[in-house]
Amino acid sequence: MTGTFNVVKACRAEGVHHVVFASSVQVYGVFSHKMRRADGRHACVSPTYVPIDESHPQTPVQPYELSKKLGEDIGRAYVRAGSIRSFVAMRYTGILREIGPPRVLPQLIAGSMVSYVHLAEAAGAMQLAVEAAHAGRLVGFRAYNVAARRPRFEWTREVFERTYGSMPELRGGLTPERSLIDTALIERELGWVSEGVPPATGVEGRRG
């Protein structure tokens, strides 16, 4: 967080007008299941709706989530002050170096909501954002979800309700073979698309 502030401050001092920040989908605060309530149960905050787009409410609770949220807030503040022209937050999901066939449908999906993006595609998204900002096509504060269109597993209502206690509103005709992270904005504005690999199917706990 202090590092982000110092980098943006240095950019202003050196006349650098555009900043692209490696943020995270964790800013939404609905992916963590590491905290527990007094009764010992997982303290998972349910999404308001899925797929989660860039306008989804942000309710971070863990230090990492908060650090990414505050990093974005620093960028917003510098843009508002006119100190930099653009601050682009790339909200990455889990980045995988290698993508093999997943073996077990997880008991809880809060960690990443079974979403992912390949390392090479994640880097490609960053490059597109840098080029667009440098060309002046991105002005002010911008945020983009970065995830494959397809999940690692075909999620089920059962595992969703086990994680969050209920099923949130489904938007846009969402089906289990589509990611719970909405990437329509980055596809439309930067032309970036990640199909990834076909999601695994089957009953929870079944091994491939």
Protein backbone atom coordinates (compact mmCIF):
# COMPACT_ATOMS: atom_id res chain seq x y z
CA MET A 1 0.00 0.00 0.00
CA THR A 2 2.80 2.42 0.93
CA GLY A 3 4.71 1.16 -2.09
CA THR A 4 1.77 1.95 -4.38
CA PHE A 5 1.52 5.45 -2.95
CA ASN A 6 5.25 6.04 -3.43
CA VAL A 7 5.15 4.78 -7.03
CA VAL A 8 2.23 7.03 -8.00
CA LYS A 9 3.82 9.98 -6.19
CA ALA A 10 7.05 9.38 -8.10
CA CYS A 11 5.12 9.19 -11.37
CA ARG A 12 3.63 12.61 -10.71
CA ALA A 13 7.04 14.06 -9.84
CA GLU A 14 8.68 12.63 -12.98
CA GLY A 15 5.87 13.56 -15.37
CA VAL A 16 4.57 10.02 -15.91
CA HIS A 17 0.91 10.47 -16.78
CA HIS A 18 -0.42 6.90 -16.85
CA VAL A 19 -0.30 4.09 -14.28
CA VAL A 20 -1.46 0.49 -14.77
CA PHE A 21 -1.90 -1.29 -11.44
CA ALA A 22 -1.99 -5.04 -10.81
CA SER A 23 -5.08 -5.23 -8.63
CA SER A 24 -7.25 -8.25 -7.84
CA VAL A 25 -10.83 -9.48 -7.88
CA GLN A 26 -10.29 -9.79 -4.13
CA VAL A 27 -11.33 -6.12 -3.85
CA TYR A 28 -14.95 -7.33 -4.00
CA GLY A 29 -14.49 -9.07 -0.65
CA VAL A 30 -16.48 -12.20 -1.56
CA PHE A 31 -13.65 -14.64 -2.25
CA SER A 32 -12.16 -15.17 1.22
CA HIS A 33 -13.16 -18.09 3.46
CA LYS A 34 -10.19 -17.87 5.83
CA MET A 35 -11.89 -15.78 8.49
CA ARG A 36 -14.29 -17.40 10.95
CA ARG A 37 -17.18 -16.18 13.05
CA ALA A 38 -17.39 -16.62 16.82
CA ASP A 39 -19.33 -19.87 16.25
CA GLY A 40 -16.46 -21.28 14.17
CA ARG A 41 -18.26 -21.11 10.85
CA HIS A 42 -16.64 -19.64 7.76
CA ALA A 43 -17.29 -15.92 7.36
CA CYS A 44 -17.97 -15.68 3.64
CA VAL A 45 -19.67 -12.56 2.33
CA SER A 46 -22.03 -13.53 -0.47
CA PRO A 47 -21.93 -11.70 -3.80
CA THR A 48 -24.90 -9.45 -4.45
CA TYR A 49 -25.15 -10.98 -7.91
CA VAL A 50 -23.17 -13.09 -10.37
CA PRO A 51 -21.35 -12.85 -12.64
CA ILE A 52 -19.44 -10.19 -10.73
CA ASP A 53 -18.76 -7.12 -12.85
CA GLU A 54 -16.66 -4.04 -12.10
CA SER A 55 -19.64 -2.25 -10.54
CA HIS A 56 -20.23 -4.94 -7.89
CA PRO A 57 -20.12 -3.64 -4.28
CA GLN A 58 -16.73 -3.95 -2.58
CA THR A 59 -16.63 -5.38 0.97
CA PRO A 60 -12.98 -6.37 1.60
CA VAL A 61 -12.13 -7.79 5.04
CA GLN A 62 -8.74 -9.52 4.68
CA PRO A 63 -5.45 -7.54 4.63
CA TYR A 64 -4.68 -8.51 1.01
CA GLU A 65 -8.16 -7.50 -0.15
CA LEU A 66 -7.90 -4.21 1.70
CA SER A 67 -4.45 -3.48 0.29
CA LYS A 68 -5.73 -3.82 -3.27
CA LYS A 69 -8.79 -1.70 -2.53
CA LEU A 70 -6.64 1.02 -0.96
CA GLY A 71 -4.21 0.84 -3.89
CA GLU A 72 -7.10 1.58 -6.23
CA ASP A 73 -8.29 4.40 -3.95
CA ILE A 74 -4.83 5.98 -4.14
CA GLY A 75 -5.08 5.91 -7.92
CA ARG A 76 -8.55 7.47 -7.86
CA ALA A 77 -7.30 10.26 -5.58
CA TYR A 78 -4.39 11.15 -7.86
CA VAL A 79 -6.67 11.15 -10.90
CA ARG A 80 -9.18 13.42 -9.15
CA ALA A 81 -6.38 15.80 -8.20
CA GLY A 82 -5.22 15.95 -11.82
CA SER A 83 -1.79 14.61 -10.84
CA ILE A 84 -1.98 11.78 -13.39
CA ARG A 85 -4.20 11.35 -16.43
CA SER A 86 -5.13 7.71 -15.99
CA PHE A 87 -4.95 4.94 -13.42
CA VAL A 88 -5.96 1.51 -14.69
CA ALA A 89 -6.67 -1.25 -12.15
CA MET A 90 -6.36 -4.75 -13.59
CA ARG A 91 -8.45 -6.95 -11.29
CA TYR A 92 -6.83 -10.34 -11.78
CA THR A 93 -8.25 -13.61 -10.56
CA GLY A 94 -5.89 -16.50 -9.73
CA ILE A 95 -3.04 -16.63 -12.28
CA LEU A 96 -1.88 -20.10 -13.34
CA ARG A 97 1.44 -20.86 -15.02
CA GLU A 98 0.18 -24.24 -16.24
CA ILE A 99 -3.41 -25.36 -16.73
CA GLY A 100 -3.97 -29.07 -16.31
CA PRO A 101 -7.27 -30.89 -15.90
CA PRO A 102 -8.73 -30.13 -12.43
CA ARG A 103 -9.25 -33.23 -10.32
CA VAL A 104 -11.67 -32.47 -7.51
CA LEU A 105 -14.59 -30.07 -7.33
CA PRO A 106 -13.84 -28.03 -4.18
CA GLN A 107 -16.04 -28.10 -1.09
CA LEU A 108 -16.06 -24.29 -1.01
CA ILE A 109 -15.62 -21.95 -3.98
CA ALA A 110 -14.91 -18.66 -2.21
CA GLY A 111 -11.14 -18.71 -2.83
CA SER A 112 -11.46 -17.83 -6.52
CA MET A 113 -15.01 -18.89 -7.40
CA VAL A 114 -13.28 -21.55 -9.55
CA SER A 115 -12.05 -18.80 -11.89
CA TYR A 116 -8.51 -18.42 -13.24
CA VAL A 117 -6.42 -16.89 -16.01
CA HIS A 118 -3.28 -18.24 -17.67
CA LEU A 119 -0.06 -16.34 -16.98
CA ALA A 120 0.56 -15.52 -20.64
CA GLU A 121 -2.96 -14.19 -21.11
CA ALA A 122 -2.69 -12.17 -17.89
CA ALA A 123 0.47 -10.55 -19.24
CA GLY A 124 -1.27 -9.89 -22.54
CA ALA A 125 -4.08 -8.06 -20.77
CA MET A 126 -1.55 -5.88 -18.97
CA GLN A 127 0.21 -5.05 -22.24
CA LEU A 128 -3.07 -4.03 -23.89
CA ALA A 129 -3.89 -1.76 -20.94
CA VAL A 130 -0.45 -0.11 -21.03
CA GLU A 131 -0.70 0.49 -24.78
CA ALA A 132 -4.25 1.89 -24.54
CA ALA A 133 -3.32 4.22 -21.68
CA HIS A 134 -0.18 5.44 -23.44
CA ALA A 135 -2.20 6.10 -26.60
CA GLY A 136 -4.65 8.22 -24.62
CA ARG A 137 -7.60 5.85 -25.06
CA LEU A 138 -7.97 5.38 -21.30
CA VAL A 139 -8.56 8.52 -19.28
CA GLY A 140 -9.32 8.83 -15.56
CA PHE A 141 -9.80 5.80 -13.32
CA ARG A 142 -10.57 2.51 -15.06
CA ALA A 143 -10.93 -1.01 -13.65
CA TYR A 144 -11.11 -4.32 -15.51
CA ASN A 145 -11.79 -7.87 -14.38
CA VAL A 146 -9.24 -10.28 -15.85
CA ALA A 147 -10.35 -13.93 -15.95
CA ALA A 148 -10.98 -16.73 -18.41
CA ARG A 149 -14.51 -16.89 -19.78
CA ARG A 150 -14.77 -20.46 -18.55
CA PRO A 151 -14.37 -21.64 -14.93
CA ARG A 152 -12.06 -24.41 -13.74
CA PHE A 153 -15.15 -26.40 -12.79
CA GLU A 154 -18.80 -26.23 -13.73
CA TRP A 155 -20.02 -24.69 -10.46
CA THR A 156 -23.23 -25.98 -8.91
CA ARG A 157 -25.97 -24.39 -6.84
CA GLU A 158 -25.19 -26.89 -4.06
CA VAL A 159 -21.54 -25.85 -3.66
CA PHE A 160 -22.49 -22.19 -3.97
CA GLU A 161 -25.06 -22.47 -1.17
CA ARG A 162 -22.59 -24.43 0.96
CA THR A 163 -20.07 -21.60 0.61
CA TYR A 164 -22.36 -18.60 1.04
CA GLY A 165 -25.57 -19.93 2.54
CA SER A 166 -27.69 -18.88 -0.43
CA MET A 167 -27.62 -18.39 -4.18
CA PRO A 168 -27.32 -14.76 -5.29
CA GLU A 169 -29.13 -13.24 -8.25
CA LEU A 170 -28.07 -14.73 -11.58
CA ARG A 171 -27.67 -12.16 -14.34
CA GLY A 172 -27.29 -12.32 -18.07
CA GLY A 173 -28.42 -15.92 -18.50
CA LEU A 174 -25.40 -17.22 -16.56
CA THR A 175 -24.84 -20.98 -16.84
CA PRO A 176 -22.40 -23.30 -14.98
CA GLU A 177 -19.96 -23.48 -17.88
CA ARG A 178 -19.45 -19.71 -17.79
CA SER A 179 -17.23 -17.87 -15.33
CA LEU A 180 -18.67 -16.19 -12.26
CA ILE A 181 -16.39 -13.23 -13.08
CA ASP A 182 -17.73 -10.91 -15.78
CA THR A 183 -15.10 -9.82 -18.33
CA ALA A 184 -17.40 -8.07 -20.81
CA LEU A 185 -15.83 -4.66 -20.11
CA ILE A 186 -12.24 -5.60 -20.92
CA GLU A 187 -13.41 -7.55 -23.95
CA ARG A 188 -15.33 -4.54 -25.24
CA GLU A 189 -12.84 -1.76 -24.43
CA LEU A 190 -9.46 -3.50 -24.85
CA GLY A 191 -10.35 -6.42 -27.09
CA TRP A 192 -8.93 -8.96 -24.64
CA VAL A 193 -10.57 -12.40 -24.45
CA SER A 194 -9.45 -15.52 -22.59
CA GLU A 195 -11.31 -18.71 -23.36
CA GLY A 196 -8.99 -20.90 -21.28
CA VAL A 197 -9.78 -24.61 -21.23
CA PRO A 198 -13.18 -26.36 -21.09
CA PRO A 199 -14.41 -26.63 -17.47
CA ALA A 200 -14.45 -29.98 -15.71
CA THR A 201 -17.80 -31.61 -15.07
CA GLY A 202 -19.01 -34.23 -12.64
CA VAL A 203 -20.14 -34.84 -9.10
CA GLU A 204 -18.35 -33.15 -6.25
CA GLY A 205 -15.44 -35.18 -4.93
CA ARG A 206 -15.11 -37.34 -8.02
CA ARG A 207 -11.50 -37.72 -9.12
CA GLY A 208 -10.40 -37.77 -12.75
